[in-house]
Amino acid sequence: MFLSHFFSQKKTKHSSLILEIDSGTVSAGILVEGSKRKDIQILLSPALGTNLLQEKDLPTIVKQNLDFIFESLATREIYIDRVTVIFSSPWQVSRVRDIHVTHERAFIVTLDFLESFKKVEATHLMEESEKGEKQSDVVQEEVEHVRVNGYASDNYIGKRTSVFDASLYLGEVRHSVLEMVRENIFTHTHIHKTEIQVCTSPFVFFKAISEVYKISNPSGNFIFIDIGEEVTDMILGHGGIFISTVSFTSGAQFVIRQISKVLDVSPEIALSTLYLFLHNKADTDLHDRVKTLLVALGNEWLIYFEDAMSSLLATTEKDFSFQIYVSVKEGCAPVYVEFIGSSKTQSAEIIVLPSSFVFDSIFA
């Protein structure tokens, strides 16, 4: 399965580590060589950004979360052999470029031919985002959905054609945060930054869903909603092709923070209160207060969600049908499924993915 080459040729008893870094937490998946996939160890840093109000504080939160993960690994005496880092918003920006080349005379598709497009588009991407000092790094360049003379092709290198079409996915990560993460990993593992595989979440999630659900969703039409701590990413897959992605600054902590504020309790108690409400264990007065609050919060969240949906679906046909996949922290899933289900912009089936989904798919 995709990304499997990142974890090949590992030393006996050594481990592969995947870090998923979002706006408020760091998730880690560890697989010890020789273990079965069901033995994947998953660590989740505490939501240290619960009361976070300013984005400038987020890098500090990420560093604290990384320290927590590596300190936890140290107590388990796990030696890390290989590291892959997946950046979610607000650290990453993802774009898709269409490549279309026609020549009167046939030409041979080579690696140098593809690299020339990557360099040009990566340069354009950097120029669009940079102002003065270096702001970001292009960390991922993926050529997908290649068509040679109008026909889909997986083995296109070396083929002769006069018409070449493809999609080029570009993933960019904020330079300062990328360097901080690399230095942190080096401090704890002594793995040099050039040996750390870096990815951006939209493409990783797109490929994982496309492969895991290709039998139950053969059309390849879906919207994936990744509700992070502070930011929500949405990805559109159409016919098995990565089309676009949008983000908005409202995540799982939006609900927790508002419950904490209205009830005048700590974030931890707010999360416990939500749990009691969802499991019908709250007393009548508390149940009614939380229910009323969630209705108001749902209406507010839907403003951002429906605007994002309209943006994603702007280029699709009117009767476009799709499935919705949702990833959100445990405890908040029922709330956001209710929010999404009440939206006027869709009537699709909603599938909630387990927290281990990304790690399961990569280590498969």
Protein backbone atom coordinates (compact mmCIF):
# COMPACT_ATOMS: atom_id res chain seq x y z
CA MET A 1 0.00 0.00 0.00
CA PHE A 2 1.10 3.59 -0.53
CA LEU A 3 3.91 4.89 1.72
CA SER A 4 4.90 1.29 2.42
CA HIS A 5 8.32 1.94 0.84
CA PHE A 6 9.07 4.37 3.67
CA PHE A 7 9.17 1.46 6.08
CA SER A 8 11.05 -1.19 4.12
CA GLN A 9 14.46 -2.60 5.00
CA LYS A 10 14.13 -1.86 8.72
CA LYS A 11 16.56 -3.35 11.21
CA THR A 12 15.41 -6.15 13.50
CA LYS A 13 13.45 -4.94 16.54
CA HIS A 14 13.71 -1.33 15.42
CA SER A 15 10.60 0.77 14.96
CA SER A 16 8.91 3.01 12.43
CA LEU A 17 7.29 6.18 13.74
CA ILE A 18 4.62 8.28 12.07
CA LEU A 19 3.84 11.70 13.52
CA GLU A 20 0.69 13.54 12.52
CA ILE A 21 0.91 17.20 13.51
CA ASP A 22 -2.25 19.28 13.49
CA SER A 23 -3.21 22.61 15.03
CA GLY A 24 -3.36 21.47 18.64
CA THR A 25 -2.09 17.92 19.09
CA VAL A 26 0.47 15.45 17.82
CA SER A 27 -0.57 11.86 17.12
CA ALA A 28 2.00 9.11 16.87
CA GLY A 29 1.78 5.63 15.40
CA ILE A 30 4.58 3.16 16.17
CA LEU A 31 5.09 -0.24 14.64
CA VAL A 32 7.90 -2.45 15.94
CA GLU A 33 9.55 -4.62 13.32
CA GLY A 34 8.07 -8.10 13.36
CA SER A 35 4.79 -6.98 14.94
CA LYS A 36 1.43 -7.39 13.29
CA ARG A 37 -0.63 -4.42 12.17
CA LYS A 38 -3.05 -4.94 15.05
CA ASP A 39 -0.12 -4.28 17.38
CA ILE A 40 0.36 -0.69 16.24
CA GLN A 41 0.95 1.48 19.29
CA ILE A 42 -0.82 4.85 19.14
CA LEU A 43 0.06 7.83 21.31
CA LEU A 44 -1.86 11.09 21.45
CA SER A 45 -0.47 14.19 23.06
CA PRO A 46 -2.76 16.10 25.42
CA ALA A 47 -4.72 18.96 23.88
CA LEU A 48 -2.34 21.60 25.20
CA GLY A 49 -3.92 24.14 22.90
CA THR A 50 -7.35 23.96 24.52
CA ASN A 51 -7.35 27.60 25.59
CA LEU A 52 -5.32 28.77 22.61
CA LEU A 53 -6.53 32.00 21.08
CA GLN A 54 -3.54 33.22 19.04
CA GLU A 55 -1.90 31.33 16.19
CA LYS A 56 1.53 32.71 17.13
CA ASP A 57 1.50 30.39 20.15
CA LEU A 58 0.90 27.24 18.07
CA PRO A 59 4.58 26.40 17.36
CA THR A 60 5.21 26.31 21.11
CA ILE A 61 2.27 23.94 21.51
CA VAL A 62 3.67 21.66 18.78
CA LYS A 63 7.08 21.55 20.46
CA GLN A 64 5.51 20.68 23.83
CA ASN A 65 3.46 17.95 22.19
CA LEU A 66 6.51 16.47 20.45
CA ASP A 67 8.41 16.43 23.74
CA PHE A 68 5.49 14.60 25.34
CA ILE A 69 5.47 11.96 22.58
CA PHE A 70 9.21 11.30 22.72
CA GLU A 71 9.26 11.22 26.53
CA SER A 72 6.50 8.60 26.36
CA LEU A 73 8.52 6.57 23.87
CA ALA A 74 11.59 6.76 26.09
CA THR A 75 9.71 5.19 29.00
CA ARG A 76 8.75 2.30 26.73
CA GLU A 77 12.36 1.80 25.59
CA ILE A 78 11.34 2.00 21.93
CA TYR A 79 14.21 2.70 19.53
CA ILE A 80 13.05 4.72 16.50
CA ASP A 81 14.58 3.64 13.21
CA ARG A 82 12.50 5.59 10.68
CA VAL A 83 10.31 8.69 10.96
CA THR A 84 7.58 10.09 8.73
CA VAL A 85 5.88 13.39 9.58
CA ILE A 86 2.44 14.35 8.28
CA PHE A 87 1.57 18.04 8.57
CA SER A 88 -2.05 19.20 8.72
CA SER A 89 -3.37 22.78 8.68
CA PRO A 90 -2.39 25.43 9.55
CA TRP A 91 1.15 24.23 8.84
CA GLN A 92 0.57 23.04 5.29
CA VAL A 93 -0.73 24.41 2.01
CA SER A 94 -1.70 22.04 -0.80
CA ARG A 95 -2.31 22.74 -4.48
CA VAL A 96 -3.09 20.71 -7.57
CA ARG A 97 -1.77 21.70 -10.99
CA ASP A 98 -2.98 20.20 -14.27
CA ILE A 99 -0.28 19.22 -16.76
CA HIS A 100 -1.20 19.12 -20.45
CA VAL A 101 1.46 18.69 -23.12
CA THR A 102 0.93 18.18 -26.85
CA HIS A 103 3.54 17.90 -29.61
CA GLU A 104 3.21 17.32 -33.31
CA ARG A 105 5.97 14.75 -33.06
CA ALA A 106 5.82 11.98 -30.48
CA PHE A 107 8.19 12.21 -27.50
CA ILE A 108 9.29 9.82 -24.77
CA VAL A 109 8.10 10.36 -21.20
CA THR A 110 11.16 10.44 -18.94
CA LEU A 111 11.86 11.22 -15.29
CA ASP A 112 13.66 14.41 -16.38
CA PHE A 113 10.52 15.43 -18.29
CA LEU A 114 8.42 15.12 -15.11
CA GLU A 115 11.05 16.77 -12.92
CA SER A 116 10.99 19.85 -15.14
CA PHE A 117 7.30 20.38 -14.35
CA LYS A 118 7.87 19.82 -10.64
CA LYS A 119 10.63 22.44 -10.54
CA VAL A 120 8.61 25.04 -12.42
CA GLU A 121 5.45 24.58 -10.35
CA ALA A 122 7.35 24.38 -7.06
CA THR A 123 9.08 27.66 -7.91
CA HIS A 124 5.73 29.31 -8.68
CA LEU A 125 4.30 28.02 -5.42
CA MET A 126 7.19 29.43 -3.41
CA GLU A 127 6.99 32.79 -5.21
CA GLU A 128 3.28 33.05 -4.40
CA SER A 129 3.82 32.50 -0.69
CA GLU A 130 7.17 34.12 0.07
CA LYS A 131 7.71 37.73 1.08
CA GLY A 132 11.30 38.52 1.90
CA GLU A 133 12.66 35.77 4.14
CA LYS A 134 11.92 32.14 3.48
CA GLN A 135 8.38 31.33 4.61
CA SER A 136 7.82 27.76 3.44
CA ASP A 137 9.30 24.63 1.86
CA VAL A 138 7.83 22.43 -0.84
CA VAL A 139 8.02 18.97 0.77
CA GLN A 140 5.86 16.85 -1.50
CA GLU A 141 5.52 16.59 -5.27
CA GLU A 142 3.34 13.79 -6.58
CA VAL A 143 2.44 13.10 -10.21
CA GLU A 144 -0.96 11.40 -10.35
CA HIS A 145 -3.63 10.27 -12.83
CA VAL A 146 -1.38 10.18 -15.87
CA ARG A 147 -2.95 9.81 -19.30
CA VAL A 148 -0.82 8.95 -22.31
CA ASN A 149 -2.50 9.66 -25.68
CA GLY A 150 -5.77 9.93 -23.77
CA TYR A 151 -5.44 6.59 -21.96
CA ALA A 152 -4.82 6.13 -18.23
CA SER A 153 -1.39 4.69 -17.54
CA ASP A 154 0.46 3.60 -14.41
CA ASN A 155 3.65 2.58 -16.23
CA TYR A 156 4.22 5.68 -18.33
CA ILE A 157 7.98 6.18 -18.00
CA GLY A 158 9.61 5.30 -21.32
CA LYS A 159 6.38 5.44 -23.30
CA ARG A 160 6.14 7.38 -26.54
CA THR A 161 3.28 9.85 -26.89
CA SER A 162 2.24 13.09 -28.51
CA VAL A 163 -0.30 13.96 -25.79
CA PHE A 164 0.48 13.83 -22.07
CA ASP A 165 -1.92 14.74 -19.24
CA ALA A 166 -1.45 14.46 -15.49
CA SER A 167 -2.18 16.07 -12.14
CA LEU A 168 0.69 17.42 -10.06
CA TYR A 169 0.09 17.59 -6.30
CA LEU A 170 2.28 20.05 -4.40
CA GLY A 171 2.52 20.15 -0.62
CA GLU A 172 4.14 23.07 1.19
CA VAL A 173 5.00 23.37 4.92
CA ARG A 174 5.81 26.47 6.96
CA HIS A 175 9.61 26.66 7.08
CA SER A 176 10.04 27.67 10.74
CA VAL A 177 7.77 24.90 12.01
CA LEU A 178 9.33 22.30 9.69
CA GLU A 179 12.82 23.10 10.95
CA MET A 180 11.68 23.07 14.58
CA VAL A 181 10.09 19.63 14.13
CA ARG A 182 13.16 18.26 12.35
CA GLU A 183 15.46 19.54 15.12
CA ASN A 184 13.21 18.06 17.79
CA ILE A 185 13.21 14.66 16.06
CA PHE A 186 17.00 14.78 15.67
CA THR A 187 17.42 15.63 19.37
CA HIS A 188 15.43 12.59 20.43
CA THR A 189 16.37 10.07 17.71
CA HIS A 190 19.60 11.33 16.06
CA ILE A 191 17.92 10.87 12.69
CA HIS A 192 19.14 13.60 10.32
CA LYS A 193 16.55 15.88 8.78
CA THR A 194 17.38 14.63 5.26
CA GLU A 195 16.28 11.14 6.34
CA ILE A 196 12.91 12.26 7.74
CA GLN A 197 10.06 11.72 5.29
CA VAL A 198 7.71 14.73 5.25
CA CYS A 199 4.16 14.67 3.85
CA THR A 200 1.09 16.89 3.87
CA SER A 201 -2.20 15.55 5.18
CA PRO A 202 -4.58 16.18 2.24
CA PHE A 203 -2.71 13.89 -0.13
CA VAL A 204 -2.02 11.27 2.55
CA PHE A 205 -5.69 11.12 3.56
CA PHE A 206 -6.85 11.13 -0.06
CA LYS A 207 -4.65 8.15 -0.98
CA ALA A 208 -5.56 6.27 2.20
CA ILE A 209 -9.30 6.65 1.68
CA SER A 210 -9.04 5.89 -2.05
CA GLU A 211 -7.28 2.61 -1.33
CA VAL A 212 -9.07 1.48 1.84
CA TYR A 213 -12.59 2.25 0.53
CA LYS A 214 -12.17 1.55 -3.19
CA ILE A 215 -14.41 -1.53 -2.95
CA SER A 216 -17.28 0.07 -1.02
CA ASN A 217 -16.90 3.35 -2.90
CA PRO A 218 -15.88 2.38 -6.47
CA SER A 219 -16.91 5.77 -7.89
CA GLY A 220 -14.07 7.44 -6.01
CA ASN A 221 -16.41 10.33 -5.18
CA PHE A 222 -16.00 11.54 -1.62
CA ILE A 223 -15.37 14.43 0.71
CA PHE A 224 -13.02 13.84 3.59
CA ILE A 225 -13.44 16.12 6.62
CA ASP A 226 -10.51 16.20 9.03
CA ILE A 227 -11.59 18.12 12.13
CA GLY A 228 -8.38 19.02 13.97
CA GLU A 229 -8.09 20.79 17.28
CA GLU A 230 -8.30 24.30 15.84
CA VAL A 231 -8.64 23.88 12.05
CA THR A 232 -10.86 21.78 9.77
CA ASP A 233 -9.52 20.49 6.44
CA MET A 234 -11.86 19.26 3.69
CA ILE A 235 -10.76 17.30 0.63
CA LEU A 236 -12.70 16.50 -2.54
CA GLY A 237 -12.08 13.28 -4.45
CA HIS A 238 -13.90 12.97 -7.78
CA GLY A 239 -13.64 9.82 -9.86
CA GLY A 240 -10.64 8.73 -7.84
CA ILE A 241 -8.83 12.01 -8.59
CA PHE A 242 -7.68 14.53 -6.02
CA ILE A 243 -9.54 17.70 -7.02
CA SER A 244 -9.11 20.33 -4.31
CA THR A 245 -8.91 21.10 -0.61
CA VAL A 246 -10.20 23.91 1.61
CA SER A 247 -9.71 24.79 5.28
CA PHE A 248 -11.43 26.91 7.88
CA THR A 249 -10.37 27.90 11.38
CA SER A 250 -12.83 26.05 13.55
CA GLY A 251 -12.02 22.63 14.96
CA ALA A 252 -12.89 20.24 17.77
CA GLN A 253 -11.82 22.71 20.44
CA PHE A 254 -14.50 25.11 19.21
CA VAL A 255 -17.18 23.08 21.01
CA ILE A 256 -15.08 22.33 24.11
CA ARG A 257 -14.03 25.95 24.47
CA GLN A 258 -17.60 27.24 24.26
CA ILE A 259 -18.92 24.70 26.79
CA SER A 260 -16.08 25.71 29.10
CA LYS A 261 -16.93 29.39 28.69
CA VAL A 262 -20.71 29.15 29.07
CA LEU A 263 -20.64 26.75 32.02
CA ASP A 264 -17.61 28.48 33.58
CA VAL A 265 -15.66 25.25 33.98
CA SER A 266 -12.19 24.04 32.95
CA PRO A 267 -11.70 22.57 29.45
CA GLU A 268 -11.20 19.13 31.00
CA ILE A 269 -14.53 19.33 32.82
CA ALA A 270 -16.15 20.70 29.65
CA LEU A 271 -15.03 17.58 27.76
CA SER A 272 -16.35 15.36 30.56
CA THR A 273 -19.63 17.27 30.50
CA LEU A 274 -19.96 16.68 26.78
CA TYR A 275 -19.33 12.97 27.37
CA LEU A 276 -22.06 12.85 30.02
CA PHE A 277 -24.47 14.63 27.68
CA LEU A 278 -23.80 12.32 24.75
CA HIS A 279 -24.29 9.25 26.93
CA ASN A 280 -27.47 10.61 28.57
CA LYS A 281 -25.82 10.66 32.00
CA ALA A 282 -26.18 14.38 32.71
CA ASP A 283 -28.95 15.65 35.00
CA THR A 284 -31.94 17.33 33.34
CA ASP A 285 -30.80 20.92 33.88
CA LEU A 286 -27.27 20.28 32.59
CA HIS A 287 -28.59 18.23 29.67
CA ASP A 288 -30.90 21.03 28.57
CA ARG A 289 -28.19 23.70 28.87
CA VAL A 290 -25.71 21.69 26.79
CA LYS A 291 -28.37 20.79 24.21
CA THR A 292 -29.34 24.44 23.74
CA LEU A 293 -25.69 25.45 23.46
CA LEU A 294 -24.91 22.76 20.88
CA VAL A 295 -27.80 23.91 18.68
CA ALA A 296 -26.37 27.44 18.67
CA LEU A 297 -22.82 26.18 18.08
CA GLY A 298 -23.99 23.94 15.27
CA ASN A 299 -25.63 26.86 13.48
CA GLU A 300 -22.42 28.88 13.77
CA TRP A 301 -20.14 26.02 12.66
CA LEU A 302 -22.41 25.29 9.67
CA ILE A 303 -21.77 28.78 8.28
CA TYR A 304 -18.10 27.88 7.78
CA PHE A 305 -18.85 24.31 6.74
CA GLU A 306 -21.44 25.17 4.10
CA ASP A 307 -19.21 27.86 2.63
CA ALA A 308 -16.40 25.30 2.35
CA MET A 309 -18.75 22.73 0.80
CA SER A 310 -19.90 25.24 -1.80
CA SER A 311 -16.29 25.97 -2.68
CA LEU A 312 -15.40 22.28 -3.03
CA LEU A 313 -18.48 21.40 -5.11
CA ALA A 314 -18.35 24.47 -7.37
CA THR A 315 -16.79 22.53 -10.25
CA THR A 316 -18.83 19.32 -9.93
CA GLU A 317 -21.98 18.40 -11.82
CA LYS A 318 -25.37 19.22 -10.30
CA ASP A 319 -26.29 15.61 -9.46
CA PHE A 320 -22.83 14.76 -8.08
CA SER A 321 -23.19 12.02 -5.46
CA PHE A 322 -20.52 11.23 -2.89
CA GLN A 323 -19.75 9.78 0.50
CA ILE A 324 -18.48 11.78 3.46
CA TYR A 325 -15.66 10.52 5.67
CA VAL A 326 -15.04 12.28 8.97
CA SER A 327 -12.03 12.18 11.27
CA VAL A 328 -12.35 13.91 14.65
CA LYS A 329 -11.12 13.36 18.21
CA GLU A 330 -12.94 10.70 20.19
CA GLY A 331 -15.80 12.13 22.19
CA CYS A 332 -16.65 14.83 19.67
CA ALA A 333 -17.64 12.63 16.71
CA PRO A 334 -21.41 12.44 17.49
CA VAL A 335 -21.56 16.23 17.79
CA TYR A 336 -19.97 16.90 14.41
CA VAL A 337 -21.87 14.12 12.66
CA GLU A 338 -25.03 15.86 13.90
CA PHE A 339 -23.75 19.22 12.65
CA ILE A 340 -22.83 17.85 9.22
CA GLY A 341 -26.04 15.85 8.91
CA SER A 342 -28.12 18.97 9.50
CA SER A 343 -26.45 20.85 6.65
CA LYS A 344 -28.64 21.81 3.71
CA THR A 345 -25.76 21.37 1.28
CA GLN A 346 -25.61 17.58 1.38
CA SER A 347 -27.49 14.38 2.08
CA ALA A 348 -24.58 11.96 1.73
CA GLU A 349 -23.79 8.96 3.88
CA ILE A 350 -21.46 9.96 6.73
CA ILE A 351 -18.75 7.50 7.77
CA VAL A 352 -16.73 8.25 10.92
CA LEU A 353 -13.17 6.94 10.65
CA PRO A 354 -11.40 5.45 13.70
CA SER A 355 -8.60 7.49 15.23
CA SER A 356 -6.12 4.85 14.04
CA PHE A 357 -7.27 5.09 10.41
CA VAL A 358 -4.21 6.85 9.00
CA PHE A 359 -1.73 4.64 10.83
CA ASP A 360 -3.61 1.47 9.92
CA SER A 361 -3.64 2.40 6.22
CA ILE A 362 0.02 3.40 6.06
CA PHE A 363 1.33 0.38 7.97
CA ALA A 364 -0.90 -2.04 6.01
